[in-house]
Amino acid sequence: MKINPYLSLQKGFRVLELLASRGPRNVGEIAAELVLENSNASRLLKSLAELGYATQVSRRGQYQLSPRVLMLARGYLAGEQLLKEAQPILRELALVARASAHLGMLVDNQAIVVAKEPSPERLQVSTQIGGQIPLHASALGKILLASRSGEELDDLLNRPLTSFTPKTITSKEGLRQAIEQVRREGYVFEAGEEHSGIGCIGVPVYDASGRCIAALSVAGPLQGTPFKLDRAHVALVRQKAKELSQRASPVAVSP
C-alpha cells in the first residue's frame, strides 16, 4: 500500500484550522471532530506545541493556538500587494461613505473578509478580518460568485442556501439571476439579506489581466447614518475599487 508522505502534515493543518475556528479543544474532542485515533491526535498536538503553534491551557488539558501563528499571517500580509494597498483605500472609503469598508476574497471556495476599516459612525456592522461571509446573501459574495463560471460556479451554487432573513435568496435560479444582474451592471446592492436593516454595496477589484481577484464593499445600517444605497455611493465604491486595482496591478484597467 502506498503511503502518503504528507498525511501527517495534512492532519496537522486540520488540527490548526479546527483550533482556529472552534477555540480550545482537548485531545478527545479533536480526535472525535477530525475522526482520528486519540493517540494520533495527541501526537499531533504535542508536535504542534513543540513547534510553538499550539499551547496547552489549564482547564481539562485543552489546547489552543499560540501567538506564533500570527507570524504566518504577518508574513502573508506583508507580502501581499493587494492587502498592502487596500488599507488606506478602505480608510478613505469608510470615511467618505460613513460606513464600514471591506475587502473580500475567495479562499477555499469560501468568501473571507481579508481587510476591513470600521465606519466612523457610532452604529456599526459586526464583521471581522478572517470572518466568513455567505456567498449568496452578501454583496461581497455575489461579486465573487459573478467572477466564476462553469464547473466552479456550479459547485459553489450547489451548496445549501441558508435563509438569514425573509429577503435572503434561497433558490438556485434566483441566485443565478442575481449573478447575471451583477455581471451586467458591474456592482450589486444588498439590503437586509443577511442582517435585517443592514445594506451593502459591492464591486469587483481586478488584476492587470482584467480578472476579478477580490470584492470591495461598504456596509452599514440603512437607518440612523448617512449611508445610502444610491448612485453616489456606487460611484464612490467603484472609484476606490479602480484605484485599488491600479495600485495592486499598476497596468490594470477595470472593465
Protein backbone atom coordinates (compact mmCIF):
# COMPACT_ATOMS: atom_id res chain seq x y z
CA MET A 1 0.00 0.00 0.00
CA LYS A 2 1.33 3.41 -0.99
CA ILE A 3 1.82 5.74 1.99
CA ASN A 4 1.09 9.42 1.61
CA PRO A 5 4.22 11.19 2.95
CA TYR A 6 2.22 14.38 3.51
CA LEU A 7 -0.59 12.80 5.56
CA SER A 8 0.76 13.94 8.93
CA LEU A 9 1.24 17.45 7.60
CA GLN A 10 -2.33 17.50 6.33
CA LYS A 11 -3.64 16.30 9.69
CA GLY A 12 -1.57 18.91 11.50
CA PHE A 13 -3.09 21.71 9.45
CA ARG A 14 -6.56 20.30 10.05
CA VAL A 15 -5.90 20.49 13.78
CA LEU A 16 -4.75 24.12 13.46
CA GLU A 17 -7.83 25.02 11.41
CA LEU A 18 -10.08 23.37 13.99
CA LEU A 19 -8.47 25.26 16.86
CA ALA A 20 -8.76 28.50 14.87
CA SER A 21 -12.46 28.06 14.12
CA ARG A 22 -13.72 26.32 17.28
CA GLY A 23 -11.41 27.51 20.05
CA PRO A 24 -9.71 25.41 22.77
CA ARG A 25 -10.20 21.64 22.48
CA ASN A 26 -8.85 18.62 24.32
CA VAL A 27 -7.39 15.52 22.70
CA GLY A 28 -10.65 13.57 22.75
CA GLU A 29 -12.66 16.41 21.22
CA ILE A 30 -10.14 16.94 18.42
CA ALA A 31 -9.94 13.21 17.73
CA ALA A 32 -13.74 12.97 17.51
CA GLU A 33 -14.22 16.01 15.28
CA LEU A 34 -11.44 15.03 12.88
CA VAL A 35 -12.12 11.28 13.03
CA LEU A 36 -8.68 10.41 14.40
CA GLU A 37 -7.41 7.96 16.99
CA ASN A 38 -6.80 9.62 20.37
CA SER A 39 -3.16 8.62 20.23
CA ASN A 40 -2.78 10.19 16.78
CA ALA A 41 -4.44 13.43 17.88
CA SER A 42 -2.24 13.54 20.99
CA ARG A 43 0.96 13.16 18.92
CA LEU A 44 -0.13 15.92 16.53
CA LEU A 45 -0.92 18.31 19.36
CA LYS A 46 2.37 17.63 21.11
CA SER A 47 4.26 18.22 17.86
CA LEU A 48 2.41 21.50 17.26
CA ALA A 49 3.14 22.54 20.85
CA GLU A 50 6.85 21.72 20.43
CA LEU A 51 6.93 23.86 17.26
CA GLY A 52 5.24 26.68 19.16
CA TYR A 53 1.98 26.81 17.17
CA ALA A 54 -0.25 25.37 19.92
CA THR A 55 -0.21 25.68 23.66
CA GLN A 56 -1.92 23.74 26.42
CA VAL A 57 -4.28 25.64 28.69
CA SER A 58 -5.04 24.69 32.26
CA ARG A 59 -8.62 23.54 32.14
CA ARG A 60 -9.24 19.94 31.14
CA GLY A 61 -5.99 19.63 29.23
CA GLN A 62 -7.26 21.72 26.35
CA TYR A 63 -5.07 23.09 23.57
CA GLN A 64 -5.37 26.42 21.81
CA LEU A 65 -3.45 28.30 19.14
CA SER A 66 -0.38 30.19 20.28
CA PRO A 67 0.56 33.71 19.16
CA ARG A 68 3.23 32.16 16.92
CA VAL A 69 0.59 31.57 14.23
CA LEU A 70 0.48 35.36 13.81
CA MET A 71 3.96 35.13 12.30
CA LEU A 72 2.49 33.17 9.39
CA ALA A 73 -0.31 35.68 8.92
CA ARG A 74 2.10 38.60 9.18
CA GLY A 75 4.33 37.10 6.54
CA TYR A 76 1.39 36.67 4.19
CA LEU A 77 0.07 40.17 4.80
CA ALA A 78 3.49 41.74 4.33
CA GLY A 79 3.99 40.02 1.01
CA GLU A 80 0.54 40.50 -0.46
CA GLN A 81 0.48 43.62 -2.62
CA LEU A 82 -3.29 43.79 -2.76
CA LEU A 83 -3.61 43.91 1.02
CA LYS A 84 -0.75 46.37 1.30
CA GLU A 85 -2.56 48.81 -0.93
CA ALA A 86 -6.04 48.12 0.41
CA GLN A 87 -5.91 49.64 3.89
CA PRO A 88 -5.50 53.35 3.01
CA ILE A 89 -8.17 52.99 0.33
CA LEU A 90 -10.54 51.27 2.77
CA ARG A 91 -9.87 54.05 5.28
CA GLU A 92 -10.76 56.75 2.75
CA LEU A 93 -13.81 54.82 1.59
CA ALA A 94 -15.17 54.30 5.10
CA LEU A 95 -14.63 57.98 5.97
CA VAL A 96 -16.46 59.34 2.92
CA ALA A 97 -19.21 56.68 2.79
CA ARG A 98 -19.75 56.81 6.58
CA ALA A 99 -19.90 53.02 6.55
CA SER A 100 -17.64 50.02 7.14
CA ALA A 101 -15.40 49.17 4.19
CA HIS A 102 -14.40 45.58 3.43
CA LEU A 103 -12.20 43.65 1.06
CA GLY A 104 -13.26 40.05 0.44
CA MET A 105 -11.67 37.14 -1.39
CA LEU A 106 -12.49 33.55 -2.20
CA VAL A 107 -10.36 31.24 -0.05
CA ASP A 108 -11.00 27.50 -0.49
CA ASN A 109 -14.35 28.39 -2.10
CA GLN A 110 -15.38 30.47 0.92
CA ALA A 111 -15.83 34.23 0.98
CA ILE A 112 -13.46 35.66 3.58
CA VAL A 113 -13.03 39.22 4.83
CA VAL A 114 -9.30 39.87 4.34
CA ALA A 115 -9.25 43.57 5.24
CA LYS A 116 -11.61 46.00 6.96
CA GLU A 117 -11.93 49.61 8.02
CA PRO A 118 -14.68 50.32 10.58
CA SER A 119 -17.28 53.00 9.97
CA PRO A 120 -16.63 56.37 11.63
CA GLU A 121 -20.29 56.32 12.71
CA ARG A 122 -21.36 55.11 16.12
CA LEU A 123 -23.64 52.46 14.58
CA GLN A 124 -21.50 49.61 13.19
CA VAL A 125 -21.89 46.35 11.32
CA SER A 126 -20.46 43.30 13.06
CA THR A 127 -17.69 41.84 10.90
CA GLN A 128 -14.09 40.87 11.47
CA ILE A 129 -10.99 40.13 9.45
CA GLY A 130 -10.82 36.41 8.73
CA GLY A 131 -14.57 36.02 9.13
CA GLN A 132 -16.63 34.11 6.60
CA ILE A 133 -19.48 35.77 4.77
CA PRO A 134 -22.27 33.95 2.92
CA LEU A 135 -21.76 33.94 -0.83
CA HIS A 136 -25.46 34.06 -1.63
CA ALA A 137 -26.58 36.63 0.97
CA SER A 138 -23.90 39.33 0.76
CA ALA A 139 -22.74 41.91 -1.75
CA LEU A 140 -19.15 40.71 -1.47
CA GLY A 141 -20.28 37.14 -2.02
CA LYS A 142 -22.32 37.90 -5.12
CA ILE A 143 -19.43 39.81 -6.68
CA LEU A 144 -17.14 36.84 -6.07
CA LEU A 145 -19.73 34.40 -7.45
CA ALA A 146 -20.13 36.53 -10.57
CA SER A 147 -16.39 36.27 -11.17
CA ARG A 148 -16.61 32.49 -11.51
CA SER A 149 -18.09 30.38 -14.29
CA GLY A 150 -18.54 26.81 -15.48
CA GLU A 151 -17.98 23.94 -13.08
CA GLU A 152 -16.51 26.17 -10.39
CA LEU A 153 -19.66 28.30 -10.26
CA ASP A 154 -21.88 25.20 -10.37
CA ASP A 155 -20.01 23.76 -7.39
CA LEU A 156 -20.49 26.97 -5.42
CA LEU A 157 -24.19 27.12 -6.28
CA ASN A 158 -24.82 23.51 -5.31
CA ARG A 159 -24.32 24.33 -1.64
CA PRO A 160 -27.31 24.85 0.70
CA LEU A 161 -28.64 28.41 0.52
CA THR A 162 -29.31 29.22 4.16
CA SER A 163 -32.10 31.68 4.90
CA PHE A 164 -30.99 34.50 7.23
CA THR A 165 -33.93 36.89 6.76
CA PRO A 166 -37.12 36.89 4.66
CA LYS A 167 -35.11 38.71 1.95
CA THR A 168 -32.41 36.04 1.59
CA ILE A 169 -32.24 34.41 -1.83
CA THR A 170 -32.75 30.70 -1.21
CA SER A 171 -33.36 29.35 -4.72
CA LYS A 172 -30.59 28.44 -7.13
CA GLU A 173 -32.45 30.02 -10.04
CA GLY A 174 -32.96 33.25 -8.11
CA LEU A 175 -29.26 33.37 -7.27
CA ARG A 176 -28.28 32.76 -10.89
CA GLN A 177 -30.47 35.68 -11.93
CA ALA A 178 -28.82 37.87 -9.30
CA ILE A 179 -25.38 36.85 -10.58
CA GLU A 180 -26.33 37.72 -14.15
CA GLN A 181 -27.51 41.13 -12.98
CA VAL A 182 -24.16 41.69 -11.23
CA ARG A 183 -22.35 40.84 -14.46
CA ARG A 184 -24.49 43.27 -16.46
CA GLU A 185 -24.28 46.19 -14.04
CA GLY A 186 -20.82 45.70 -12.53
CA TYR A 187 -21.99 46.25 -8.97
CA VAL A 188 -24.57 44.88 -6.53
CA PHE A 189 -26.86 46.21 -3.83
CA GLU A 190 -27.68 44.00 -0.85
CA ALA A 191 -30.39 45.16 1.54
CA GLY A 192 -31.26 43.08 4.58
CA GLU A 193 -30.46 39.69 3.03
CA GLU A 194 -28.06 38.60 5.75
CA HIS A 195 -28.97 41.02 8.56
CA SER A 196 -32.22 42.99 8.67
CA GLY A 197 -31.69 46.72 8.42
CA ILE A 198 -28.15 46.43 7.02
CA GLY A 199 -27.28 47.42 3.47
CA CYS A 200 -24.18 46.87 1.37
CA ILE A 201 -22.73 47.86 -2.00
CA GLY A 202 -20.18 45.55 -3.65
CA VAL A 203 -17.95 45.99 -6.70
CA PRO A 204 -15.14 43.89 -8.19
CA VAL A 205 -11.39 44.50 -7.93
CA TYR A 206 -9.34 43.44 -10.96
CA ASP A 207 -5.78 42.39 -11.67
CA ALA A 208 -3.72 43.53 -14.65
CA SER A 209 -5.36 40.96 -16.94
CA GLY A 210 -8.87 42.12 -16.09
CA ARG A 211 -9.61 39.12 -13.87
CA CYS A 212 -11.66 39.74 -10.73
CA ILE A 213 -9.42 38.92 -7.77
CA ALA A 214 -11.41 40.41 -4.91
CA ALA A 215 -14.54 42.33 -3.97
CA LEU A 216 -14.72 45.75 -2.35
CA SER A 217 -17.75 46.85 -0.36
CA VAL A 218 -19.23 49.36 2.04
CA ALA A 219 -21.86 48.25 4.54
CA GLY A 220 -23.88 49.95 7.21
CA PRO A 221 -27.27 50.43 8.82
CA LEU A 222 -29.90 51.77 6.43
CA GLN A 223 -31.35 53.94 9.19
CA GLY A 224 -29.54 56.26 11.57
CA THR A 225 -26.44 57.01 9.45
CA PRO A 226 -25.75 58.97 6.24
CA PHE A 227 -25.01 55.73 4.35
CA LYS A 228 -27.42 55.01 1.50
CA LEU A 229 -27.82 52.51 -1.31
CA ASP A 230 -27.71 55.08 -4.09
CA ARG A 231 -25.83 56.05 -7.25
CA ALA A 232 -23.49 58.42 -5.42
CA HIS A 233 -22.27 55.63 -3.14
CA VAL A 234 -21.97 53.21 -6.08
CA ALA A 235 -19.77 55.74 -7.91
CA LEU A 236 -17.64 56.18 -4.79
CA VAL A 237 -17.07 52.44 -4.29
CA ARG A 238 -16.34 51.96 -8.00
CA GLN A 239 -13.74 54.73 -7.92
CA LYS A 240 -12.00 53.23 -4.90
CA ALA A 241 -12.07 49.76 -6.46
CA LYS A 242 -10.47 51.19 -9.60
CA GLU A 243 -7.76 52.85 -7.50
CA LEU A 244 -7.08 49.60 -5.69
CA SER A 245 -6.95 47.65 -8.97
CA GLN A 246 -4.42 50.12 -10.38
CA ARG A 247 -2.25 50.19 -7.26
CA ALA A 248 -2.20 46.43 -6.80
CA SER A 249 -1.57 45.84 -10.52
CA PRO A 250 -0.16 49.06 -11.97
CA VAL A 251 -1.26 48.34 -15.56
CA ALA A 252 -4.70 47.05 -14.57
CA VAL A 253 -7.71 48.53 -16.29
CA SER A 254 -11.09 47.92 -14.71
CA PRO A 255 -13.67 46.83 -17.29
